[in-house]
PDB file of N, CA and C in Angstrom:
ATOM      1  N   MET A   1      -6.442   2.774  11.546  1.00  0.00           N
ATOM      2  CA  MET A   1      -5.524   3.334  10.572  1.00  0.00           C
ATOM      3  C   MET A   1      -6.147   3.184   9.187  1.00  0.00           C
ATOM      4  N   GLU A   2      -5.957   4.216   8.396  1.00  0.00           N
ATOM      5  CA  GLU A   2      -6.458   4.172   7.029  1.00  0.00           C
ATOM      6  C   GLU A   2      -5.360   3.685   6.084  1.00  0.00           C
ATOM      7  N   PHE A   3      -5.770   3.215   4.927  1.00  0.00           N
ATOM      8  CA  PHE A   3      -4.842   2.621   3.972  1.00  0.00           C
ATOM      9  C   PHE A   3      -3.770   3.616   3.526  1.00  0.00           C
ATOM     10  N   LYS A   4      -4.146   4.854   3.272  1.00  0.00           N
ATOM     11  CA  LYS A   4      -3.161   5.850   2.817  1.00  0.00           C
ATOM     12  C   LYS A   4      -2.143   6.150   3.917  1.00  0.00           C
ATOM     13  N   GLU A   5      -2.557   6.134   5.173  1.00  0.00           N
ATOM     14  CA  GLU A   5      -1.625   6.314   6.289  1.00  0.00           C
ATOM     15  C   GLU A   5      -0.649   5.141   6.349  1.00  0.00           C
ATOM     16  N   TYR A   6      -1.184   3.949   6.139  1.00  0.00           N
ATOM     17  CA  TYR A   6      -0.360   2.745   6.133  1.00  0.00           C
ATOM     18  C   TYR A   6       0.705   2.832   5.045  1.00  0.00           C
ATOM     19  N   LEU A   7       0.294   3.253   3.850  1.00  0.00           N
ATOM     20  CA  LEU A   7       1.246   3.380   2.744  1.00  0.00           C
ATOM     21  C   LEU A   7       2.329   4.394   3.075  1.00  0.00           C
ATOM     22  N   LYS A   8       1.953   5.483   3.722  1.00  0.00           N
ATOM     23  CA  LYS A   8       2.937   6.489   4.109  1.00  0.00           C
ATOM     24  C   LYS A   8       3.945   5.896   5.087  1.00  0.00           C
ATOM     25  N   GLU A   9       3.486   5.085   6.040  1.00  0.00           N
ATOM     26  CA  GLU A   9       4.395   4.406   6.976  1.00  0.00           C
ATOM     27  C   GLU A   9       5.372   3.493   6.245  1.00  0.00           C
ATOM     28  N   LYS A  10       4.897   2.891   5.164  1.00  0.00           N
ATOM     29  CA  LYS A  10       5.727   1.978   4.376  1.00  0.00           C
ATOM     30  C   LYS A  10       6.547   2.702   3.314  1.00  0.00           C
ATOM     31  N   LYS A  11       6.503   4.037   3.360  1.00  0.00           N
ATOM     32  CA  LYS A  11       7.262   4.887   2.431  1.00  0.00           C
ATOM     33  C   LYS A  11       6.840   4.687   0.969  1.00  0.00           C
ATOM     34  N   ILE A  12       5.523   4.553   0.785  1.00  0.00           N
ATOM     35  CA  ILE A  12       4.946   4.398  -0.547  1.00  0.00           C
ATOM     36  C   ILE A  12       4.121   5.642  -0.854  1.00  0.00           C
ATOM     37  N   ASP A  13       4.316   6.217  -2.029  1.00  0.00           N
ATOM     38  CA  ASP A  13       3.562   7.383  -2.466  1.00  0.00           C
ATOM     39  C   ASP A  13       2.160   6.921  -2.885  1.00  0.00           C
ATOM     40  N   ALA A  14       1.184   7.155  -2.013  1.00  0.00           N
ATOM     41  CA  ALA A  14      -0.184   6.681  -2.242  1.00  0.00           C
ATOM     42  C   ALA A  14      -0.797   7.296  -3.497  1.00  0.00           C
ATOM     43  N   ALA A  15      -0.560   8.577  -3.737  1.00  0.00           N
ATOM     44  CA  ALA A  15      -1.145   9.249  -4.908  1.00  0.00           C
ATOM     45  C   ALA A  15      -0.613   8.647  -6.211  1.00  0.00           C
ATOM     46  N   ALA A  16       0.687   8.424  -6.268  1.00  0.00           N
ATOM     47  CA  ALA A  16       1.284   7.829  -7.479  1.00  0.00           C
ATOM     48  C   ALA A  16       0.803   6.397  -7.664  1.00  0.00           C
ATOM     49  N   PHE A  17       0.746   5.644  -6.574  1.00  0.00           N
ATOM     50  CA  PHE A  17       0.279   4.259  -6.623  1.00  0.00           C
ATOM     51  C   PHE A  17      -1.161   4.212  -7.126  1.00  0.00           C
ATOM     52  N   GLU A  18      -2.020   5.071  -6.566  1.00  0.00           N
ATOM     53  CA  GLU A  18      -3.430   5.088  -6.964  1.00  0.00           C
ATOM     54  C   GLU A  18      -3.584   5.494  -8.431  1.00  0.00           C
ATOM     55  N   LYS A  19      -2.793   6.454  -8.874  1.00  0.00           N
ATOM     56  CA  LYS A  19      -2.883   6.934 -10.258  1.00  0.00           C
ATOM     57  C   LYS A  19      -2.388   5.895 -11.263  1.00  0.00           C
ATOM     58  N   GLU A  20      -1.256   5.272 -10.975  1.00  0.00           N
ATOM     59  CA  GLU A  20      -0.622   4.354 -11.924  1.00  0.00           C
ATOM     60  C   GLU A  20      -1.191   2.934 -11.905  1.00  0.00           C
ATOM     61  N   ASP A  21      -1.684   2.502 -10.764  1.00  0.00           N
ATOM     62  CA  ASP A  21      -2.180   1.119 -10.631  1.00  0.00           C
ATOM     63  C   ASP A  21      -3.459   1.118  -9.797  1.00  0.00           C
ATOM     64  N   ALA A  22      -4.477   1.804 -10.313  1.00  0.00           N
ATOM     65  CA  ALA A  22      -5.729   2.001  -9.569  1.00  0.00           C
ATOM     66  C   ALA A  22      -6.404   0.685  -9.201  1.00  0.00           C
ATOM     67  N   ARG A  23      -6.346  -0.285 -10.085  1.00  0.00           N
ATOM     68  CA  ARG A  23      -7.001  -1.563  -9.808  1.00  0.00           C
ATOM     69  C   ARG A  23      -6.404  -2.223  -8.566  1.00  0.00           C
ATOM     70  N   ARG A  24      -5.086  -2.326  -8.514  1.00  0.00           N
ATOM     71  CA  ARG A  24      -4.418  -2.944  -7.368  1.00  0.00           C
ATOM     72  C   ARG A  24      -4.602  -2.095  -6.105  1.00  0.00           C
ATOM     73  N   PHE A  25      -4.508  -0.778  -6.254  1.00  0.00           N
ATOM     74  CA  PHE A  25      -4.697   0.120  -5.115  1.00  0.00           C
ATOM     75  C   PHE A  25      -6.062  -0.117  -4.478  1.00  0.00           C
ATOM     76  N   ASN A  26      -7.118  -0.142  -5.295  1.00  0.00           N
ATOM     77  CA  ASN A  26      -8.477  -0.340  -4.774  1.00  0.00           C
ATOM     78  C   ASN A  26      -8.654  -1.726  -4.177  1.00  0.00           C
ATOM     79  N   GLU A  27      -8.091  -2.725  -4.815  1.00  0.00           N
ATOM     80  CA  GLU A  27      -8.160  -4.098  -4.305  1.00  0.00           C
ATOM     81  C   GLU A  27      -7.495  -4.183  -2.931  1.00  0.00           C
ATOM     82  N   TRP A  28      -6.303  -3.632  -2.809  1.00  0.00           N
ATOM     83  CA  TRP A  28      -5.586  -3.653  -1.532  1.00  0.00           C
ATOM     84  C   TRP A  28      -6.316  -2.844  -0.472  1.00  0.00           C
ATOM     85  N   ASN A  29      -6.913  -1.726  -0.870  1.00  0.00           N
ATOM     86  CA  ASN A  29      -7.646  -0.894   0.074  1.00  0.00           C
ATOM     87  C   ASN A  29      -8.798  -1.686   0.697  1.00  0.00           C
ATOM     88  N   VAL A  30      -9.539  -2.412  -0.117  1.00  0.00           N
ATOM     89  CA  VAL A  30     -10.650  -3.226   0.379  1.00  0.00           C
ATOM     90  C   VAL A  30     -10.129  -4.322   1.315  1.00  0.00           C
ATOM     91  N   ILE A  31      -9.067  -4.992   0.928  1.00  0.00           N
ATOM     92  CA  ILE A  31      -8.486  -6.044   1.758  1.00  0.00           C
ATOM     93  C   ILE A  31      -7.969  -5.467   3.071  1.00  0.00           C
ATOM     94  N   PHE A  32      -7.304  -4.320   3.003  1.00  0.00           N
ATOM     95  CA  PHE A  32      -6.726  -3.684   4.188  1.00  0.00           C
ATOM     96  C   PHE A  32      -7.798  -3.386   5.230  1.00  0.00           C
ATOM     97  N   GLU A  33      -8.969  -2.958   4.770  1.00  0.00           N
ATOM     98  CA  GLU A  33     -10.059  -2.621   5.687  1.00  0.00           C
ATOM     99  C   GLU A  33     -10.627  -3.833   6.416  1.00  0.00           C
ATOM    100  N   THR A  34     -10.346  -5.027   5.925  1.00  0.00           N
ATOM    101  CA  THR A  34     -10.908  -6.233   6.546  1.00  0.00           C
ATOM    102  C   THR A  34      -9.947  -6.925   7.499  1.00  0.00           C
ATOM    103  N   MET A  35      -8.709  -6.436   7.628  1.00  0.00           N
ATOM    104  CA  MET A  35      -7.745  -7.120   8.492  1.00  0.00           C
ATOM    105  C   MET A  35      -6.840  -6.141   9.215  1.00  0.00           C
ATOM    106  N   HIS A  36      -6.130  -6.655  10.169  1.00  0.00           N
ATOM    107  CA  HIS A  36      -5.168  -5.868  10.939  1.00  0.00           C
ATOM    108  C   HIS A  36      -3.982  -5.508  10.046  1.00  0.00           C
ATOM    109  N   PRO A  37      -3.410  -4.305  10.219  1.00  0.00           N
ATOM    110  CA  PRO A  37      -2.272  -3.905   9.376  1.00  0.00           C
ATOM    111  C   PRO A  37      -1.104  -4.894   9.391  1.00  0.00           C
ATOM    112  N   GLU A  38      -0.828  -5.505  10.529  1.00  0.00           N
ATOM    113  CA  GLU A  38       0.270  -6.482  10.588  1.00  0.00           C
ATOM    114  C   GLU A  38      -0.043  -7.723   9.759  1.00  0.00           C
ATOM    115  N   SER A  39      -1.300  -8.144   9.762  1.00  0.00           N
ATOM    116  CA  SER A  39      -1.704  -9.290   8.945  1.00  0.00           C
ATOM    117  C   SER A  39      -1.609  -8.947   7.465  1.00  0.00           C
ATOM    118  N   PHE A  40      -1.996  -7.724   7.130  1.00  0.00           N
ATOM    119  CA  PHE A  40      -1.902  -7.276   5.745  1.00  0.00           C
ATOM    120  C   PHE A  40      -0.444  -7.285   5.290  1.00  0.00           C
ATOM    121  N   THR A  41       0.443  -6.779   6.154  1.00  0.00           N
ATOM    122  CA  THR A  41       1.877  -6.749   5.838  1.00  0.00           C
ATOM    123  C   THR A  41       2.406  -8.162   5.626  1.00  0.00           C
ATOM    124  N   ALA A  42       2.025  -9.079   6.500  1.00  0.00           N
ATOM    125  CA  ALA A  42       2.486 -10.464   6.374  1.00  0.00           C
ATOM    126  C   ALA A  42       1.997 -11.090   5.075  1.00  0.00           C
ATOM    127  N   GLN A  43       0.759 -10.783   4.699  1.00  0.00           N
ATOM    128  CA  GLN A  43       0.181 -11.367   3.495  1.00  0.00           C
ATOM    129  C   GLN A  43       0.797 -10.782   2.216  1.00  0.00           C
ATOM    130  N   LYS A  44       1.119  -9.501   2.229  1.00  0.00           N
ATOM    131  CA  LYS A  44       1.569  -8.811   1.018  1.00  0.00           C
ATOM    132  C   LYS A  44       3.043  -8.405   1.061  1.00  0.00           C
ATOM    133  N   LYS A  45       3.808  -8.975   1.966  1.00  0.00           N
ATOM    134  CA  LYS A  45       5.179  -8.532   2.231  1.00  0.00           C
ATOM    135  C   LYS A  45       6.029  -8.327   0.973  1.00  0.00           C
ATOM    136  N   PHE A  46       6.132  -9.323   0.145  1.00  0.00           N
ATOM    137  CA  PHE A  46       6.996  -9.210  -1.036  1.00  0.00           C
ATOM    138  C   PHE A  46       6.392  -8.277  -2.088  1.00  0.00           C
ATOM    139  N   LEU A  47       5.078  -8.220  -2.156  1.00  0.00           N
ATOM    140  CA  LEU A  47       4.430  -7.312  -3.091  1.00  0.00           C
ATOM    141  C   LEU A  47       4.589  -5.863  -2.643  1.00  0.00           C
ATOM    142  N   ILE A  48       4.535  -5.636  -1.336  1.00  0.00           N
ATOM    143  CA  ILE A  48       4.727  -4.288  -0.797  1.00  0.00           C
ATOM    144  C   ILE A  48       6.113  -3.770  -1.163  1.00  0.00           C
ATOM    145  N   ASN A  49       7.118  -4.607  -1.053  1.00  0.00           N
ATOM    146  CA  ASN A  49       8.481  -4.192  -1.404  1.00  0.00           C
ATOM    147  C   ASN A  49       8.572  -3.768  -2.869  1.00  0.00           C
ATOM    148  N   ASP A  50       7.921  -4.507  -3.746  1.00  0.00           N
ATOM    149  CA  ASP A  50       7.919  -4.172  -5.172  1.00  0.00           C
ATOM    150  C   ASP A  50       7.215  -2.830  -5.411  1.00  0.00           C
ATOM    151  N   ILE A  51       6.077  -2.637  -4.765  1.00  0.00           N
ATOM    152  CA  ILE A  51       5.327  -1.388  -4.901  1.00  0.00           C
ATOM    153  C   ILE A  51       6.140  -0.225  -4.347  1.00  0.00           C
ATOM    154  N   ARG A  52       6.819  -0.436  -3.228  1.00  0.00           N
ATOM    155  CA  ARG A  52       7.653   0.622  -2.635  1.00  0.00           C
ATOM    156  C   ARG A  52       8.739   1.064  -3.617  1.00  0.00           C
ATOM    157  N   ARG A  53       9.349   0.121  -4.308  1.00  0.00           N
ATOM    158  CA  ARG A  53      10.403   0.459  -5.274  1.00  0.00           C
ATOM    159  C   ARG A  53       9.835   1.285  -6.447  1.00  0.00           C
ATOM    160  N   ARG A  54       8.612   0.971  -6.844  1.00  0.00           N
ATOM    161  CA  ARG A  54       8.005   1.682  -7.967  1.00  0.00           C
ATOM    162  C   ARG A  54       7.465   3.067  -7.592  1.00  0.00           C
ATOM    163  N   TYR A  55       6.916   3.179  -6.382  1.00  0.00           N
ATOM    164  CA  TYR A  55       6.241   4.415  -5.968  1.00  0.00           C
ATOM    165  C   TYR A  55       6.830   4.926  -4.655  1.00  0.00           C
ATOM    166  N   ILE A  56       8.122   5.123  -4.630  1.00  0.00           N
ATOM    167  CA  ILE A  56       8.807   5.553  -3.411  1.00  0.00           C
ATOM    168  C   ILE A  56       8.343   6.954  -2.994  1.00  0.00           C
ATOM    169  N   LEU A  57       8.087   7.105  -1.718  1.00  0.00           N
ATOM    170  CA  LEU A  57       7.639   8.374  -1.160  1.00  0.00           C
ATOM    171  C   LEU A  57       8.847   9.285  -0.974  1.00  0.00           C
ATOM    172  N   LYS A  58       8.775  10.453  -1.576  1.00  0.00           N
ATOM    173  CA  LYS A  58       9.863  11.421  -1.445  1.00  0.00           C
ATOM    174  C   LYS A  58       9.475  12.453  -0.403  1.00  0.00           C
ATOM    175  N   ASP A  59      10.357  12.659   0.563  1.00  0.00           N
ATOM    176  CA  ASP A  59      10.057  13.608   1.650  1.00  0.00           C
ATOM    177  C   ASP A  59      10.223  15.036   1.211  1.00  0.00           C
TER     178      ASP A  59
END
């Protein structure tokens, strides 16, 4: 799974996230590639919720 697919599953707008907070987006992308998605979720759980609120994916 790629990072942008993961963000879509978490209902996060990847384009908005990348545009508004490129540093964090790139940092998370590198970390995501080194671990299982479930481990990434466990590690970033509360941060993911904050990012989701800021960059909610609109269907």
